[in-house]
Amino acid sequence: MKIYKVKVNGKVYEVEVEAVDETTEEISRTETAKAPETVSEGNNQILAPIAGKVIEIKVKVGESVRKGQTVAVIEAMKLENEIQSAYDGKVREIAVSNGSAVRNKDVLIVLE
């Protein structure tokens, strides 16, 4: 059995693949999809996981966010990647704007 990471619509899933020979009559299937990792480091920063262009900021300063909530969308290699908060908090600062080019690990949003 081998485990592979597969990216579908910007979300990464882990899948297990089992080799099957022609004599096997039954294939056991195990679905083990993991939620994509959220992008957050430090105590209060949501960072860009990839380089790309910010196409949408989905929160405003002063707004409360919950863990797993989509806070921004970054376009990279013609794919839209939803950026999620790794924890609960209140938006203190938005460090980017729509159309901004960002690099990997650039600060997108600061939470309180």
PDB file of N, CA and C in Angstrom:
ATOM      1  N   MET A   1       0.849  -1.166   0.000  1.00  0.00           N
ATOM      2  CA  MET A   1       0.000   0.000   0.000  1.00  0.00           C
ATOM      3  C   MET A   1       0.896   1.230   0.000  1.00  0.00           C
ATOM      4  N   LYS A   2       0.593   2.193  -0.862  1.00  0.00           N
ATOM      5  CA  LYS A   2       1.354   3.437  -0.930  1.00  0.00           C
ATOM      6  C   LYS A   2       0.414   4.598  -0.671  1.00  0.00           C
ATOM      7  N   ILE A   3       0.946   5.641  -0.072  1.00  0.00           N
ATOM      8  CA  ILE A   3       0.165   6.842   0.195  1.00  0.00           C
ATOM      9  C   ILE A   3       0.681   7.950  -0.719  1.00  0.00           C
ATOM     10  N   TYR A   4      -0.250   8.612  -1.408  1.00  0.00           N
ATOM     11  CA  TYR A   4       0.076   9.713  -2.302  1.00  0.00           C
ATOM     12  C   TYR A   4      -0.705  10.940  -1.874  1.00  0.00           C
ATOM     13  N   LYS A   5      -0.149  12.116  -2.160  1.00  0.00           N
ATOM     14  CA  LYS A   5      -0.878  13.362  -1.958  1.00  0.00           C
ATOM     15  C   LYS A   5      -1.398  13.798  -3.316  1.00  0.00           C
ATOM     16  N   VAL A   6      -2.680  14.144  -3.367  1.00  0.00           N
ATOM     17  CA  VAL A   6      -3.328  14.565  -4.599  1.00  0.00           C
ATOM     18  C   VAL A   6      -3.939  15.941  -4.365  1.00  0.00           C
ATOM     19  N   LYS A   7      -3.721  16.872  -5.292  1.00  0.00           N
ATOM     20  CA  LYS A   7      -4.278  18.210  -5.182  1.00  0.00           C
ATOM     21  C   LYS A   7      -5.448  18.333  -6.148  1.00  0.00           C
ATOM     22  N   VAL A   8      -6.625  18.629  -5.620  1.00  0.00           N
ATOM     23  CA  VAL A   8      -7.840  18.778  -6.419  1.00  0.00           C
ATOM     24  C   VAL A   8      -8.449  20.131  -6.077  1.00  0.00           C
ATOM     25  N   ASN A   9      -8.601  20.981  -7.081  1.00  0.00           N
ATOM     26  CA  ASN A   9      -9.162  22.322  -6.889  1.00  0.00           C
ATOM     27  C   ASN A   9      -8.479  23.075  -5.756  1.00  0.00           C
ATOM     28  N   GLY A  10      -7.172  22.950  -5.680  1.00  0.00           N
ATOM     29  CA  GLY A  10      -6.409  23.678  -4.699  1.00  0.00           C
ATOM     30  C   GLY A  10      -6.380  23.060  -3.311  1.00  0.00           C
ATOM     31  N   LYS A  11      -7.055  21.949  -3.118  1.00  0.00           N
ATOM     32  CA  LYS A  11      -7.077  21.282  -1.821  1.00  0.00           C
ATOM     33  C   LYS A  11      -6.277  19.995  -1.904  1.00  0.00           C
ATOM     34  N   VAL A  12      -5.464  19.729  -0.898  1.00  0.00           N
ATOM     35  CA  VAL A  12      -4.593  18.564  -0.890  1.00  0.00           C
ATOM     36  C   VAL A  12      -5.245  17.445  -0.084  1.00  0.00           C
ATOM     37  N   TYR A  13      -5.278  16.247  -0.665  1.00  0.00           N
ATOM     38  CA  TYR A  13      -5.837  15.065  -0.020  1.00  0.00           C
ATOM     39  C   TYR A  13      -4.782  13.967  -0.017  1.00  0.00           C
ATOM     40  N   GLU A  14      -4.779  13.155   1.025  1.00  0.00           N
ATOM     41  CA  GLU A  14      -3.924  11.975   1.050  1.00  0.00           C
ATOM     42  C   GLU A  14      -4.780  10.781   0.651  1.00  0.00           C
ATOM     43  N   VAL A  15      -4.280   9.978  -0.286  1.00  0.00           N
ATOM     44  CA  VAL A  15      -5.004   8.784  -0.715  1.00  0.00           C
ATOM     45  C   VAL A  15      -4.086   7.577  -0.607  1.00  0.00           C
ATOM     46  N   GLU A  16      -4.667   6.460  -0.261  1.00  0.00           N
ATOM     47  CA  GLU A  16      -3.914   5.216  -0.205  1.00  0.00           C
ATOM     48  C   GLU A  16      -4.219   4.426  -1.464  1.00  0.00           C
ATOM     49  N   VAL A  17      -3.174   3.903  -2.106  1.00  0.00           N
ATOM     50  CA  VAL A  17      -3.337   3.132  -3.328  1.00  0.00           C
ATOM     51  C   VAL A  17      -2.762   1.745  -3.080  1.00  0.00           C
ATOM     52  N   GLU A  18      -3.560   0.746  -3.406  1.00  0.00           N
ATOM     53  CA  GLU A  18      -3.152  -0.638  -3.208  1.00  0.00           C
ATOM     54  C   GLU A  18      -2.994  -1.304  -4.565  1.00  0.00           C
ATOM     55  N   ALA A  19      -1.878  -1.999  -4.748  1.00  0.00           N
ATOM     56  CA  ALA A  19      -1.657  -2.730  -5.989  1.00  0.00           C
ATOM     57  C   ALA A  19      -2.621  -3.915  -6.027  1.00  0.00           C
ATOM     58  N   VAL A  20      -3.242  -4.138  -7.180  1.00  0.00           N
ATOM     59  CA  VAL A  20      -4.209  -5.226  -7.328  1.00  0.00           C
ATOM     60  C   VAL A  20      -3.783  -6.083  -8.515  1.00  0.00           C
ATOM     61  N   ASP A  21      -3.741  -7.383  -8.307  1.00  0.00           N
ATOM     62  CA  ASP A  21      -3.419  -8.254  -9.445  1.00  0.00           C
ATOM     63  C   ASP A  21      -4.711  -8.831 -10.017  1.00  0.00           C
ATOM     64  N   GLU A  22      -4.615  -9.501 -11.119  1.00  0.00           N
ATOM     65  CA  GLU A  22      -5.807  -9.995 -11.825  1.00  0.00           C
ATOM     66  C   GLU A  22      -6.561 -11.077 -11.061  1.00  0.00           C
ATOM     67  N   THR A  23      -5.920 -11.730 -10.137  1.00  0.00           N
ATOM     68  CA  THR A  23      -6.583 -12.816  -9.408  1.00  0.00           C
ATOM     69  C   THR A  23      -7.385 -12.317  -8.209  1.00  0.00           C
ATOM     70  N   THR A  24      -7.220 -11.070  -7.848  1.00  0.00           N
ATOM     71  CA  THR A  24      -7.960 -10.535  -6.716  1.00  0.00           C
ATOM     72  C   THR A  24      -9.403 -10.281  -7.127  1.00  0.00           C
ATOM     73  N   GLU A  25     -10.330 -10.863  -6.389  1.00  0.00           N
ATOM     74  CA  GLU A  25     -11.739 -10.703  -6.731  1.00  0.00           C
ATOM     75  C   GLU A  25     -12.367  -9.511  -6.042  1.00  0.00           C
ATOM     76  N   GLU A  26     -11.880  -9.168  -4.889  1.00  0.00           N
ATOM     77  CA  GLU A  26     -12.479  -8.081  -4.133  1.00  0.00           C
ATOM     78  C   GLU A  26     -11.417  -7.046  -3.814  1.00  0.00           C
ATOM     79  N   ILE A  27     -11.763  -5.819  -4.000  1.00  0.00           N
ATOM     80  CA  ILE A  27     -10.846  -4.722  -3.699  1.00  0.00           C
ATOM     81  C   ILE A  27     -11.404  -3.996  -2.482  1.00  0.00           C
ATOM     82  N   SER A  28     -10.591  -3.909  -1.463  1.00  0.00           N
ATOM     83  CA  SER A  28     -11.050  -3.160  -0.287  1.00  0.00           C
ATOM     84  C   SER A  28     -10.691  -1.701  -0.514  1.00  0.00           C
ATOM     85  N   ARG A  29     -11.631  -0.836  -0.257  1.00  0.00           N
ATOM     86  CA  ARG A  29     -11.411   0.591  -0.444  1.00  0.00           C
ATOM     87  C   ARG A  29     -11.378   1.267   0.905  1.00  0.00           C
ATOM     88  N   THR A  30     -10.407   2.102   1.073  1.00  0.00           N
ATOM     89  CA  THR A  30     -10.299   2.884   2.287  1.00  0.00           C
ATOM     90  C   THR A  30     -10.146   4.331   1.887  1.00  0.00           C
ATOM     91  N   GLU A  31     -11.124   5.125   2.222  1.00  0.00           N
ATOM     92  CA  GLU A  31     -11.043   6.542   1.903  1.00  0.00           C
ATOM     93  C   GLU A  31     -10.473   7.269   3.103  1.00  0.00           C
ATOM     94  N   THR A  32      -9.304   7.835   2.917  1.00  0.00           N
ATOM     95  CA  THR A  32      -8.659   8.565   4.000  1.00  0.00           C
ATOM     96  C   THR A  32      -8.264   9.948   3.510  1.00  0.00           C
ATOM     97  N   ALA A  33      -9.248  10.766   3.248  1.00  0.00           N
ATOM     98  CA  ALA A  33      -8.970  12.128   2.796  1.00  0.00           C
ATOM     99  C   ALA A  33      -8.763  13.013   4.013  1.00  0.00           C
ATOM    100  N   LYS A  34      -7.667  13.741   4.020  1.00  0.00           N
ATOM    101  CA  LYS A  34      -7.400  14.676   5.098  1.00  0.00           C
ATOM    102  C   LYS A  34      -7.791  16.060   4.638  1.00  0.00           C
ATOM    103  N   ALA A  35      -8.250  16.839   5.559  1.00  0.00           N
ATOM    104  CA  ALA A  35      -8.556  18.230   5.229  1.00  0.00           C
ATOM    105  C   ALA A  35      -7.267  18.935   4.873  1.00  0.00           C
ATOM    106  N   PRO A  36      -7.334  19.898   3.964  1.00  0.00           N
ATOM    107  CA  PRO A  36      -6.123  20.620   3.620  1.00  0.00           C
ATOM    108  C   PRO A  36      -5.596  21.367   4.835  1.00  0.00           C
ATOM    109  N   GLU A  37      -4.285  21.492   4.892  1.00  0.00           N
ATOM    110  CA  GLU A  37      -3.694  22.190   6.017  1.00  0.00           C
ATOM    111  C   GLU A  37      -4.034  23.666   5.929  1.00  0.00           C
ATOM    112  N   THR A  38      -4.356  24.230   7.078  1.00  0.00           N
ATOM    113  CA  THR A  38      -4.614  25.653   7.103  1.00  0.00           C
ATOM    114  C   THR A  38      -3.283  26.374   7.099  1.00  0.00           C
ATOM    115  N   VAL A  39      -3.323  27.644   6.790  1.00  0.00           N
ATOM    116  CA  VAL A  39      -2.090  28.386   6.625  1.00  0.00           C
ATOM    117  C   VAL A  39      -2.006  29.446   7.705  1.00  0.00           C
ATOM    118  N   SER A  40      -1.223  29.188   8.714  1.00  0.00           N
ATOM    119  CA  SER A  40      -1.099  30.138   9.797  1.00  0.00           C
ATOM    120  C   SER A  40       0.155  29.812  10.590  1.00  0.00           C
ATOM    121  N   GLU A  41       0.866  30.825  10.989  1.00  0.00           N
ATOM    122  CA  GLU A  41       2.039  30.636  11.819  1.00  0.00           C
ATOM    123  C   GLU A  41       2.065  31.727  12.871  1.00  0.00           C
ATOM    124  N   GLY A  42       2.897  31.540  13.857  1.00  0.00           N
ATOM    125  CA  GLY A  42       2.990  32.531  14.909  1.00  0.00           C
ATOM    126  C   GLY A  42       1.704  32.556  15.715  1.00  0.00           C
ATOM    127  N   ASN A  43       1.552  33.603  16.480  1.00  0.00           N
ATOM    128  CA  ASN A  43       0.385  33.696  17.340  1.00  0.00           C
ATOM    129  C   ASN A  43      -0.809  34.328  16.658  1.00  0.00           C
ATOM    130  N   ASN A  44      -0.574  35.107  15.628  1.00  0.00           N
ATOM    131  CA  ASN A  44      -1.701  35.861  15.097  1.00  0.00           C
ATOM    132  C   ASN A  44      -1.595  36.214  13.618  1.00  0.00           C
ATOM    133  N   GLN A  45      -0.839  35.477  12.840  1.00  0.00           N
ATOM    134  CA  GLN A  45      -0.682  35.817  11.429  1.00  0.00           C
ATOM    135  C   GLN A  45      -1.179  34.698  10.529  1.00  0.00           C
ATOM    136  N   ILE A  46      -1.905  35.084   9.490  1.00  0.00           N
ATOM    137  CA  ILE A  46      -2.292  34.133   8.445  1.00  0.00           C
ATOM    138  C   ILE A  46      -1.373  34.433   7.268  1.00  0.00           C
ATOM    139  N   LEU A  47      -0.603  33.420   6.865  1.00  0.00           N
ATOM    140  CA  LEU A  47       0.424  33.599   5.839  1.00  0.00           C
ATOM    141  C   LEU A  47       0.002  32.973   4.518  1.00  0.00           C
ATOM    142  N   ALA A  48       0.565  33.492   3.441  1.00  0.00           N
ATOM    143  CA  ALA A  48       0.324  32.923   2.113  1.00  0.00           C
ATOM    144  C   ALA A  48       1.054  31.582   2.009  1.00  0.00           C
ATOM    145  N   PRO A  49       0.353  30.526   1.591  1.00  0.00           N
ATOM    146  CA  PRO A  49       1.004  29.225   1.451  1.00  0.00           C
ATOM    147  C   PRO A  49       1.777  29.096   0.154  1.00  0.00           C
ATOM    148  N   ILE A  50       1.482  29.980  -0.791  1.00  0.00           N
ATOM    149  CA  ILE A  50       2.078  29.914  -2.122  1.00  0.00           C
ATOM    150  C   ILE A  50       2.216  31.325  -2.679  1.00  0.00           C
ATOM    151  N   ALA A  51       3.051  31.451  -3.683  1.00  0.00           N
ATOM    152  CA  ALA A  51       3.155  32.726  -4.393  1.00  0.00           C
ATOM    153  C   ALA A  51       2.002  32.816  -5.375  1.00  0.00           C
ATOM    154  N   GLY A  52       1.476  34.008  -5.549  1.00  0.00           N
ATOM    155  CA  GLY A  52       0.372  34.185  -6.488  1.00  0.00           C
ATOM    156  C   GLY A  52      -0.198  35.585  -6.386  1.00  0.00           C
ATOM    157  N   LYS A  53      -1.437  35.719  -6.837  1.00  0.00           N
ATOM    158  CA  LYS A  53      -2.117  37.011  -6.846  1.00  0.00           C
ATOM    159  C   LYS A  53      -3.367  36.910  -5.986  1.00  0.00           C
ATOM    160  N   VAL A  54      -3.527  37.844  -5.070  1.00  0.00           N
ATOM    161  CA  VAL A  54      -4.716  37.880  -4.225  1.00  0.00           C
ATOM    162  C   VAL A  54      -5.892  38.310  -5.096  1.00  0.00           C
ATOM    163  N   ILE A  55      -6.901  37.450  -5.196  1.00  0.00           N
ATOM    164  CA  ILE A  55      -8.052  37.825  -6.015  1.00  0.00           C
ATOM    165  C   ILE A  55      -9.277  38.186  -5.181  1.00  0.00           C
ATOM    166  N   GLU A  56      -9.240  37.824  -3.883  1.00  0.00           N
ATOM    167  CA  GLU A  56     -10.368  38.204  -3.033  1.00  0.00           C
ATOM    168  C   GLU A  56      -9.979  38.122  -1.559  1.00  0.00           C
ATOM    169  N   ILE A  57     -10.328  39.165  -0.821  1.00  0.00           N
ATOM    170  CA  ILE A  57     -10.220  39.165   0.637  1.00  0.00           C
ATOM    171  C   ILE A  57     -11.650  38.982   1.139  1.00  0.00           C
ATOM    172  N   LYS A  58     -11.882  37.964   1.932  1.00  0.00           N
ATOM    173  CA  LYS A  58     -13.240  37.617   2.332  1.00  0.00           C
ATOM    174  C   LYS A  58     -13.609  38.112   3.732  1.00  0.00           C
ATOM    175  N   VAL A  59     -12.727  38.881   4.375  1.00  0.00           N
ATOM    176  CA  VAL A  59     -13.007  39.410   5.708  1.00  0.00           C
ATOM    177  C   VAL A  59     -12.686  40.902   5.739  1.00  0.00           C
ATOM    178  N   LYS A  60     -13.146  41.564   6.816  1.00  0.00           N
ATOM    179  CA  LYS A  60     -12.889  42.992   7.003  1.00  0.00           C
ATOM    180  C   LYS A  60     -12.277  43.210   8.377  1.00  0.00           C
ATOM    181  N   VAL A  61     -11.578  44.318   8.540  1.00  0.00           N
ATOM    182  CA  VAL A  61     -10.998  44.666   9.828  1.00  0.00           C
ATOM    183  C   VAL A  61     -12.126  44.749  10.860  1.00  0.00           C
ATOM    184  N   GLY A  62     -11.884  44.136  12.021  1.00  0.00           N
ATOM    185  CA  GLY A  62     -12.875  44.129  13.093  1.00  0.00           C
ATOM    186  C   GLY A  62     -13.788  42.918  13.081  1.00  0.00           C
ATOM    187  N   GLU A  63     -13.801  42.184  11.981  1.00  0.00           N
ATOM    188  CA  GLU A  63     -14.659  41.005  11.849  1.00  0.00           C
ATOM    189  C   GLU A  63     -14.055  39.818  12.598  1.00  0.00           C
ATOM    190  N   SER A  64     -14.902  39.031  13.231  1.00  0.00           N
ATOM    191  CA  SER A  64     -14.447  37.809  13.899  1.00  0.00           C
ATOM    192  C   SER A  64     -14.360  36.681  12.883  1.00  0.00           C
ATOM    193  N   VAL A  65     -13.317  35.855  13.009  1.00  0.00           N
ATOM    194  CA  VAL A  65     -13.167  34.690  12.139  1.00  0.00           C
ATOM    195  C   VAL A  65     -13.049  33.444  12.998  1.00  0.00           C
ATOM    196  N   ARG A  66     -13.450  32.338  12.425  1.00  0.00           N
ATOM    197  CA  ARG A  66     -13.385  31.063  13.123  1.00  0.00           C
ATOM    198  C   ARG A  66     -12.362  30.158  12.450  1.00  0.00           C
ATOM    199  N   LYS A  67     -11.844  29.234  13.205  1.00  0.00           N
ATOM    200  CA  LYS A  67     -10.899  28.270  12.679  1.00  0.00           C
ATOM    201  C   LYS A  67     -11.527  27.554  11.487  1.00  0.00           C
ATOM    202  N   GLY A  68     -10.779  27.489  10.362  1.00  0.00           N
ATOM    203  CA  GLY A  68     -11.261  26.826   9.162  1.00  0.00           C
ATOM    204  C   GLY A  68     -12.030  27.727   8.211  1.00  0.00           C
ATOM    205  N   GLN A  69     -12.318  28.938   8.632  1.00  0.00           N
ATOM    206  CA  GLN A  69     -13.045  29.886   7.777  1.00  0.00           C
ATOM    207  C   GLN A  69     -12.137  30.394   6.671  1.00  0.00           C
ATOM    208  N   THR A  70     -12.658  30.476   5.445  1.00  0.00           N
ATOM    209  CA  THR A  70     -11.902  31.026   4.331  1.00  0.00           C
ATOM    210  C   THR A  70     -11.813  32.537   4.504  1.00  0.00           C
ATOM    211  N   VAL A  71     -10.571  33.057   4.495  1.00  0.00           N
ATOM    212  CA  VAL A  71     -10.361  34.487   4.705  1.00  0.00           C
ATOM    213  C   VAL A  71      -9.862  35.205   3.458  1.00  0.00           C
ATOM    214  N   ALA A  72      -9.324  34.444   2.504  1.00  0.00           N
ATOM    215  CA  ALA A  72      -8.810  35.043   1.268  1.00  0.00           C
ATOM    216  C   ALA A  72      -8.717  33.981   0.184  1.00  0.00           C
ATOM    217  N   VAL A  73      -8.589  34.443  -1.064  1.00  0.00           N
ATOM    218  CA  VAL A  73      -8.402  33.539  -2.195  1.00  0.00           C
ATOM    219  C   VAL A  73      -7.197  34.034  -2.986  1.00  0.00           C
ATOM    220  N   ILE A  74      -6.252  33.122  -3.242  1.00  0.00           N
ATOM    221  CA  ILE A  74      -5.050  33.448  -4.020  1.00  0.00           C
ATOM    222  C   ILE A  74      -5.073  32.624  -5.298  1.00  0.00           C
ATOM    223  N   GLU A  75      -4.829  33.293  -6.421  1.00  0.00           N
ATOM    224  CA  GLU A  75      -4.722  32.591  -7.702  1.00  0.00           C
ATOM    225  C   GLU A  75      -3.256  32.280  -7.954  1.00  0.00           C
ATOM    226  N   ALA A  76      -2.983  31.012  -8.218  1.00  0.00           N
ATOM    227  CA  ALA A  76      -1.626  30.581  -8.530  1.00  0.00           C
ATOM    228  C   ALA A  76      -1.712  29.526  -9.619  1.00  0.00           C
ATOM    229  N   MET A  77      -0.988  29.719 -10.678  1.00  0.00           N
ATOM    230  CA  MET A  77      -0.977  28.784 -11.806  1.00  0.00           C
ATOM    231  C   MET A  77      -2.395  28.498 -12.302  1.00  0.00           C
ATOM    232  N   LYS A  78      -3.193  29.549 -12.397  1.00  0.00           N
ATOM    233  CA  LYS A  78      -4.568  29.507 -12.908  1.00  0.00           C
ATOM    234  C   LYS A  78      -5.529  28.724 -12.022  1.00  0.00           C
ATOM    235  N   LEU A  79      -5.128  28.456 -10.771  1.00  0.00           N
ATOM    236  CA  LEU A  79      -5.995  27.787  -9.809  1.00  0.00           C
ATOM    237  C   LEU A  79      -6.308  28.752  -8.669  1.00  0.00           C
ATOM    238  N   GLU A  80      -7.544  28.723  -8.196  1.00  0.00           N
ATOM    239  CA  GLU A  80      -7.936  29.533  -7.057  1.00  0.00           C
ATOM    240  C   GLU A  80      -7.750  28.712  -5.783  1.00  0.00           C
ATOM    241  N   ASN A  81      -6.974  29.245  -4.853  1.00  0.00           N
ATOM    242  CA  ASN A  81      -6.669  28.559  -3.601  1.00  0.00           C
ATOM    243  C   ASN A  81      -7.307  29.319  -2.440  1.00  0.00           C
ATOM    244  N   GLU A  82      -8.211  28.666  -1.721  1.00  0.00           N
ATOM    245  CA  GLU A  82      -8.852  29.285  -0.575  1.00  0.00           C
ATOM    246  C   GLU A  82      -7.917  29.201   0.624  1.00  0.00           C
ATOM    247  N   ILE A  83      -7.684  30.335   1.260  1.00  0.00           N
ATOM    248  CA  ILE A  83      -6.807  30.402   2.425  1.00  0.00           C
ATOM    249  C   ILE A  83      -7.693  30.434   3.661  1.00  0.00           C
ATOM    250  N   GLN A  84      -7.412  29.520   4.587  1.00  0.00           N
ATOM    251  CA  GLN A  84      -8.248  29.378   5.771  1.00  0.00           C
ATOM    252  C   GLN A  84      -7.484  29.757   7.023  1.00  0.00           C
ATOM    253  N   SER A  85      -8.224  30.242   8.010  1.00  0.00           N
ATOM    254  CA  SER A  85      -7.631  30.580   9.301  1.00  0.00           C
ATOM    255  C   SER A  85      -7.399  29.304  10.101  1.00  0.00           C
ATOM    256  N   ALA A  86      -6.283  29.252  10.813  1.00  0.00           N
ATOM    257  CA  ALA A  86      -5.963  28.082  11.626  1.00  0.00           C
ATOM    258  C   ALA A  86      -6.531  28.198  13.031  1.00  0.00           C
ATOM    259  N   TYR A  87      -7.091  29.362  13.362  1.00  0.00           N
ATOM    260  CA  TYR A  87      -7.642  29.532  14.699  1.00  0.00           C
ATOM    261  C   TYR A  87      -8.666  30.652  14.710  1.00  0.00           C
ATOM    262  N   ASP A  88      -9.373  30.755  15.822  1.00  0.00           N
ATOM    263  CA  ASP A  88     -10.367  31.812  15.998  1.00  0.00           C
ATOM    264  C   ASP A  88      -9.659  33.129  16.320  1.00  0.00           C
ATOM    265  N   GLY A  89     -10.293  34.234  15.960  1.00  0.00           N
ATOM    266  CA  GLY A  89      -9.728  35.533  16.289  1.00  0.00           C
ATOM    267  C   GLY A  89     -10.534  36.648  15.666  1.00  0.00           C
ATOM    268  N   LYS A  90     -10.036  37.853  15.836  1.00  0.00           N
ATOM    269  CA  LYS A  90     -10.666  39.043  15.284  1.00  0.00           C
ATOM    270  C   LYS A  90      -9.647  39.710  14.367  1.00  0.00           C
ATOM    271  N   VAL A  91     -10.069  40.115  13.188  1.00  0.00           N
ATOM    272  CA  VAL A  91      -9.154  40.717  12.208  1.00  0.00           C
ATOM    273  C   VAL A  91      -8.687  42.082  12.717  1.00  0.00           C
ATOM    274  N   ARG A  92      -7.374  42.181  12.945  1.00  0.00           N
ATOM    275  CA  ARG A  92      -6.784  43.445  13.389  1.00  0.00           C
ATOM    276  C   ARG A  92      -6.251  44.244  12.197  1.00  0.00           C
ATOM    277  N   GLU A  93      -5.698  43.514  11.205  1.00  0.00           N
ATOM    278  CA  GLU A  93      -5.087  44.191  10.055  1.00  0.00           C
ATOM    279  C   GLU A  93      -5.147  43.281   8.837  1.00  0.00           C
ATOM    280  N   ILE A  94      -5.375  43.882   7.684  1.00  0.00           N
ATOM    281  CA  ILE A  94      -5.287  43.163   6.410  1.00  0.00           C
ATOM    282  C   ILE A  94      -4.082  43.751   5.695  1.00  0.00           C
ATOM    283  N   ALA A  95      -3.057  42.926   5.480  1.00  0.00           N
ATOM    284  CA  ALA A  95      -1.775  43.405   4.967  1.00  0.00           C
ATOM    285  C   ALA A  95      -1.697  43.428   3.444  1.00  0.00           C
ATOM    286  N   VAL A  96      -2.711  42.922   2.759  1.00  0.00           N
ATOM    287  CA  VAL A  96      -2.716  42.878   1.297  1.00  0.00           C
ATOM    288  C   VAL A  96      -4.056  43.407   0.790  1.00  0.00           C
ATOM    289  N   SER A  97      -4.130  43.616  -0.509  1.00  0.00           N
ATOM    290  CA  SER A  97      -5.403  44.042  -1.106  1.00  0.00           C
ATOM    291  C   SER A  97      -5.662  43.216  -2.357  1.00  0.00           C
ATOM    292  N   ASN A  98      -6.868  43.292  -2.871  1.00  0.00           N
ATOM    293  CA  ASN A  98      -7.192  42.569  -4.098  1.00  0.00           C
ATOM    294  C   ASN A  98      -6.235  43.003  -5.202  1.00  0.00           C
ATOM    295  N   GLY A  99      -5.691  42.030  -5.915  1.00  0.00           N
ATOM    296  CA  GLY A  99      -4.754  42.305  -6.996  1.00  0.00           C
ATOM    297  C   GLY A  99      -3.291  42.293  -6.571  1.00  0.00           C
ATOM    298  N   SER A 100      -3.036  42.235  -5.265  1.00  0.00           N
ATOM    299  CA  SER A 100      -1.647  42.217  -4.768  1.00  0.00           C
ATOM    300  C   SER A 100      -0.945  40.923  -5.150  1.00  0.00           C
ATOM    301  N   ALA A 101       0.314  41.044  -5.521  1.00  0.00           N
ATOM    302  CA  ALA A 101       1.151  39.858  -5.735  1.00  0.00           C
ATOM    303  C   ALA A 101       1.760  39.495  -4.384  1.00  0.00           C
ATOM    304  N   VAL A 102       1.710  38.215  -4.040  1.00  0.00           N
ATOM    305  CA  VAL A 102       2.285  37.759  -2.769  1.00  0.00           C
ATOM    306  C   VAL A 102       3.260  36.628  -3.019  1.00  0.00           C
ATOM    307  N   ARG A 103       4.215  36.499  -2.099  1.00  0.00           N
ATOM    308  CA  ARG A 103       5.163  35.394  -2.137  1.00  0.00           C
ATOM    309  C   ARG A 103       4.810  34.415  -1.031  1.00  0.00           C
ATOM    310  N   ASN A 104       5.375  33.237  -1.113  1.00  0.00           N
ATOM    311  CA  ASN A 104       5.178  32.227  -0.084  1.00  0.00           C
ATOM    312  C   ASN A 104       5.581  32.800   1.278  1.00  0.00           C
ATOM    313  N   LYS A 105       4.744  32.628   2.270  1.00  0.00           N
ATOM    314  CA  LYS A 105       4.951  33.061   3.655  1.00  0.00           C
ATOM    315  C   LYS A 105       4.775  34.556   3.879  1.00  0.00           C
ATOM    316  N   ASP A 106       4.296  35.316   2.887  1.00  0.00           N
ATOM    317  CA  ASP A 106       3.964  36.715   3.116  1.00  0.00           C
ATOM    318  C   ASP A 106       2.767  36.783   4.060  1.00  0.00           C
ATOM    319  N   VAL A 107       2.739  37.800   4.919  1.00  0.00           N
ATOM    320  CA  VAL A 107       1.622  37.993   5.841  1.00  0.00           C
ATOM    321  C   VAL A 107       0.415  38.498   5.042  1.00  0.00           C
ATOM    322  N   LEU A 108      -0.702  37.832   5.200  1.00  0.00           N
ATOM    323  CA  LEU A 108      -1.943  38.261   4.554  1.00  0.00           C
ATOM    324  C   LEU A 108      -2.829  39.034   5.526  1.00  0.00           C
ATOM    325  N   ILE A 109      -3.053  38.416   6.698  1.00  0.00           N
ATOM    326  CA  ILE A 109      -3.985  38.972   7.675  1.00  0.00           C
ATOM    327  C   ILE A 109      -3.409  38.781   9.070  1.00  0.00           C
ATOM    328  N   VAL A 110      -3.604  39.790   9.923  1.00  0.00           N
ATOM    329  CA  VAL A 110      -3.175  39.703  11.308  1.00  0.00           C
ATOM    330  C   VAL A 110      -4.427  39.664  12.175  1.00  0.00           C
ATOM    331  N   LEU A 111      -4.461  38.685  13.093  1.00  0.00           N
ATOM    332  CA  LEU A 111      -5.600  38.528  14.002  1.00  0.00           C
ATOM    333  C   LEU A 111      -5.213  38.950  15.415  1.00  0.00           C
ATOM    334  N   GLU A 112      -6.221  39.282  16.208  1.00  0.00           N
ATOM    335  CA  GLU A 112      -6.015  39.594  17.635  1.00  0.00           C
ATOM    336  C   GLU A 112      -6.280  38.354  18.431  1.00  0.00           C
TER     337      GLU A 112
END
